[in-house]
Amino acid sequence: MTVVVRIVWFIAIGWWLGLVWFAVSILACLTAIWYNVGLFMAVNTPSVMTRKKPMREIVDDVRRVR
């Protein structure tokens, strides 16, 4: 994804979606059943806000190129 698309995403949608996403992750962490889902959501909040690929996908892309 290009940097321009990521910037537009963050300005238009990402900042408020990230706040909602993180709030839901905190609520999920408060329950025993949804704790793991809440941790996953909390860790991936920056990816939701900026539409950046997780590092493991970037590493996989580099390995495919080689």
N, C-alpha and C. Protein backbone atom coordinates (compact mmCIF):
# COMPACT_ATOMS: atom_id res chain seq x y z
N MET A 1 0.84 -1.18 0.00
CA MET A 1 0.00 0.00 0.00
C MET A 1 0.89 1.24 0.00
N THR A 2 0.48 2.22 -0.74
CA THR A 2 1.31 3.41 -0.82
C THR A 2 1.15 4.26 0.43
N VAL A 3 2.13 5.12 0.62
CA VAL A 3 2.14 5.99 1.79
C VAL A 3 0.97 6.97 1.74
N VAL A 4 0.64 7.46 0.55
CA VAL A 4 -0.46 8.42 0.42
C VAL A 4 -1.79 7.80 0.83
N VAL A 5 -2.02 6.57 0.42
CA VAL A 5 -3.27 5.87 0.79
C VAL A 5 -3.33 5.67 2.29
N ARG A 6 -2.19 5.31 2.89
CA ARG A 6 -2.16 5.10 4.34
C ARG A 6 -2.40 6.40 5.10
N ILE A 7 -1.88 7.51 4.59
CA ILE A 7 -2.10 8.80 5.25
C ILE A 7 -3.56 9.20 5.16
N VAL A 8 -4.16 9.04 3.98
CA VAL A 8 -5.59 9.36 3.82
C VAL A 8 -6.44 8.47 4.71
N TRP A 9 -6.10 7.18 4.77
CA TRP A 9 -6.83 6.25 5.64
C TRP A 9 -6.79 6.72 7.08
N PHE A 10 -5.58 7.08 7.56
CA PHE A 10 -5.45 7.49 8.95
C PHE A 10 -6.26 8.75 9.24
N ILE A 11 -6.20 9.73 8.36
CA ILE A 11 -6.92 10.99 8.58
C ILE A 11 -8.42 10.79 8.51
N ALA A 12 -8.89 10.00 7.55
CA ALA A 12 -10.34 9.84 7.36
C ALA A 12 -10.97 8.82 8.31
N ILE A 13 -10.29 7.71 8.52
CA ILE A 13 -10.92 6.61 9.24
C ILE A 13 -10.08 6.09 10.40
N GLY A 14 -8.78 5.99 10.22
CA GLY A 14 -7.91 5.27 11.13
C GLY A 14 -7.89 5.76 12.55
N TRP A 15 -7.90 7.08 12.77
CA TRP A 15 -7.75 7.58 14.14
C TRP A 15 -8.94 7.20 15.00
N TRP A 16 -10.17 7.34 14.49
CA TRP A 16 -11.32 7.00 15.32
C TRP A 16 -11.56 5.49 15.35
N LEU A 17 -11.28 4.78 14.25
CA LEU A 17 -11.43 3.33 14.25
C LEU A 17 -10.42 2.70 15.21
N GLY A 18 -9.22 3.26 15.27
CA GLY A 18 -8.21 2.75 16.20
C GLY A 18 -8.63 2.92 17.65
N LEU A 19 -9.24 4.05 17.95
CA LEU A 19 -9.73 4.28 19.32
C LEU A 19 -10.83 3.29 19.70
N VAL A 20 -11.76 3.08 18.79
CA VAL A 20 -12.85 2.12 19.04
C VAL A 20 -12.28 0.71 19.15
N TRP A 21 -11.39 0.35 18.24
CA TRP A 21 -10.75 -0.98 18.23
C TRP A 21 -10.04 -1.24 19.56
N PHE A 22 -9.28 -0.25 20.04
CA PHE A 22 -8.53 -0.42 21.29
C PHE A 22 -9.48 -0.50 22.49
N ALA A 23 -10.56 0.29 22.48
CA ALA A 23 -11.52 0.24 23.58
C ALA A 23 -12.19 -1.14 23.65
N VAL A 24 -12.54 -1.70 22.49
CA VAL A 24 -13.12 -3.04 22.46
C VAL A 24 -12.10 -4.07 22.93
N SER A 25 -10.84 -3.87 22.59
CA SER A 25 -9.81 -4.83 23.04
C SER A 25 -9.66 -4.79 24.55
N ILE A 26 -9.75 -3.61 25.15
CA ILE A 26 -9.67 -3.49 26.61
C ILE A 26 -10.86 -4.21 27.25
N LEU A 27 -12.04 -4.01 26.70
CA LEU A 27 -13.22 -4.70 27.24
C LEU A 27 -13.09 -6.21 27.11
N ALA A 28 -12.55 -6.66 25.98
CA ALA A 28 -12.35 -8.11 25.80
C ALA A 28 -11.34 -8.66 26.79
N CYS A 29 -10.31 -7.88 27.11
CA CYS A 29 -9.30 -8.34 28.06
C CYS A 29 -9.86 -8.47 29.48
N LEU A 30 -10.95 -7.80 29.76
CA LEU A 30 -11.54 -7.87 31.09
C LEU A 30 -12.28 -9.18 31.34
N THR A 31 -12.55 -9.92 30.28
CA THR A 31 -13.24 -11.20 30.44
C THR A 31 -12.24 -12.35 30.28
N ALA A 32 -12.51 -13.42 30.94
CA ALA A 32 -11.62 -14.58 30.87
C ALA A 32 -11.71 -15.28 29.51
N ILE A 33 -12.89 -15.31 28.94
CA ILE A 33 -13.09 -16.02 27.68
C ILE A 33 -12.45 -15.29 26.51
N TRP A 34 -12.58 -13.97 26.45
CA TRP A 34 -12.11 -13.17 25.31
C TRP A 34 -10.74 -12.55 25.54
N TYR A 35 -10.00 -12.96 26.56
CA TYR A 35 -8.72 -12.36 26.91
C TYR A 35 -7.71 -12.42 25.75
N ASN A 36 -7.58 -13.59 25.14
CA ASN A 36 -6.62 -13.75 24.04
C ASN A 36 -7.00 -12.90 22.83
N VAL A 37 -8.28 -12.80 22.54
CA VAL A 37 -8.73 -11.96 21.44
C VAL A 37 -8.43 -10.49 21.75
N GLY A 38 -8.64 -10.09 22.97
CA GLY A 38 -8.34 -8.73 23.38
C GLY A 38 -6.87 -8.38 23.25
N LEU A 39 -6.01 -9.32 23.63
CA LEU A 39 -4.57 -9.10 23.47
C LEU A 39 -4.18 -8.99 22.00
N PHE A 40 -4.75 -9.84 21.17
CA PHE A 40 -4.48 -9.78 19.74
C PHE A 40 -4.91 -8.43 19.17
N MET A 41 -6.09 -7.98 19.58
CA MET A 41 -6.59 -6.70 19.08
C MET A 41 -5.71 -5.54 19.56
N ALA A 42 -5.29 -5.58 20.81
CA ALA A 42 -4.47 -4.50 21.35
C ALA A 42 -3.12 -4.42 20.64
N VAL A 43 -2.53 -5.56 20.36
CA VAL A 43 -1.23 -5.59 19.68
C VAL A 43 -1.37 -5.09 18.24
N ASN A 44 -2.48 -5.35 17.60
CA ASN A 44 -2.67 -4.98 16.19
C ASN A 44 -3.35 -3.63 15.99
N THR A 45 -3.52 -2.85 17.04
CA THR A 45 -4.14 -1.54 16.91
C THR A 45 -3.40 -0.63 15.93
N PRO A 46 -2.07 -0.54 15.97
CA PRO A 46 -1.40 0.32 14.98
C PRO A 46 -1.64 -0.12 13.54
N SER A 47 -1.76 -1.42 13.30
CA SER A 47 -2.03 -1.90 11.95
C SER A 47 -3.42 -1.48 11.48
N VAL A 48 -4.38 -1.47 12.39
CA VAL A 48 -5.73 -1.05 12.04
C VAL A 48 -5.75 0.45 11.75
N MET A 49 -5.00 1.21 12.52
CA MET A 49 -5.01 2.66 12.35
C MET A 49 -4.31 3.11 11.07
N THR A 50 -3.25 2.43 10.67
CA THR A 50 -2.47 2.90 9.53
C THR A 50 -2.49 1.96 8.33
N ARG A 51 -3.16 0.83 8.44
CA ARG A 51 -3.23 -0.17 7.37
C ARG A 51 -1.86 -0.69 6.99
N LYS A 52 -0.93 -0.72 7.94
CA LYS A 52 0.40 -1.24 7.70
C LYS A 52 0.39 -2.74 7.88
N LYS A 53 1.13 -3.44 7.01
CA LYS A 53 1.23 -4.88 7.13
C LYS A 53 1.97 -5.24 8.41
N PRO A 54 1.59 -6.33 9.06
CA PRO A 54 2.38 -6.81 10.19
C PRO A 54 3.78 -7.22 9.72
N MET A 55 4.75 -7.15 10.60
CA MET A 55 6.14 -7.42 10.23
C MET A 55 6.32 -8.82 9.65
N ARG A 56 5.57 -9.79 10.13
CA ARG A 56 5.75 -11.15 9.62
C ARG A 56 5.36 -11.24 8.14
N GLU A 57 4.37 -10.46 7.69
CA GLU A 57 4.01 -10.46 6.28
C GLU A 57 5.08 -9.79 5.44
N ILE A 58 5.72 -8.76 5.96
CA ILE A 58 6.80 -8.10 5.24
C ILE A 58 7.97 -9.05 5.07
N VAL A 59 8.30 -9.78 6.13
CA VAL A 59 9.40 -10.74 6.06
C VAL A 59 9.07 -11.85 5.06
N ASP A 60 7.83 -12.32 5.03
CA ASP A 60 7.43 -13.35 4.06
C ASP A 60 7.54 -12.82 2.64
N ASP A 61 7.17 -11.55 2.42
CA ASP A 61 7.29 -10.97 1.07
C ASP A 61 8.75 -10.91 0.64
N VAL A 62 9.64 -10.55 1.55
CA VAL A 62 11.07 -10.48 1.22
C VAL A 62 11.59 -11.87 0.91
N ARG A 63 11.17 -12.87 1.65
CA ARG A 63 11.62 -14.24 1.40
C ARG A 63 11.15 -14.72 0.04
N ARG A 64 9.94 -14.35 -0.38
CA ARG A 64 9.43 -14.76 -1.69
C ARG A 64 10.23 -14.13 -2.83
N VAL A 65 10.68 -12.90 -2.62
CA VAL A 65 11.45 -12.21 -3.67
C VAL A 65 12.80 -12.88 -3.88
N ARG A 66 13.40 -13.36 -2.81
CA ARG A 66 14.71 -14.03 -2.92
C ARG A 66 14.53 -15.33 -3.58
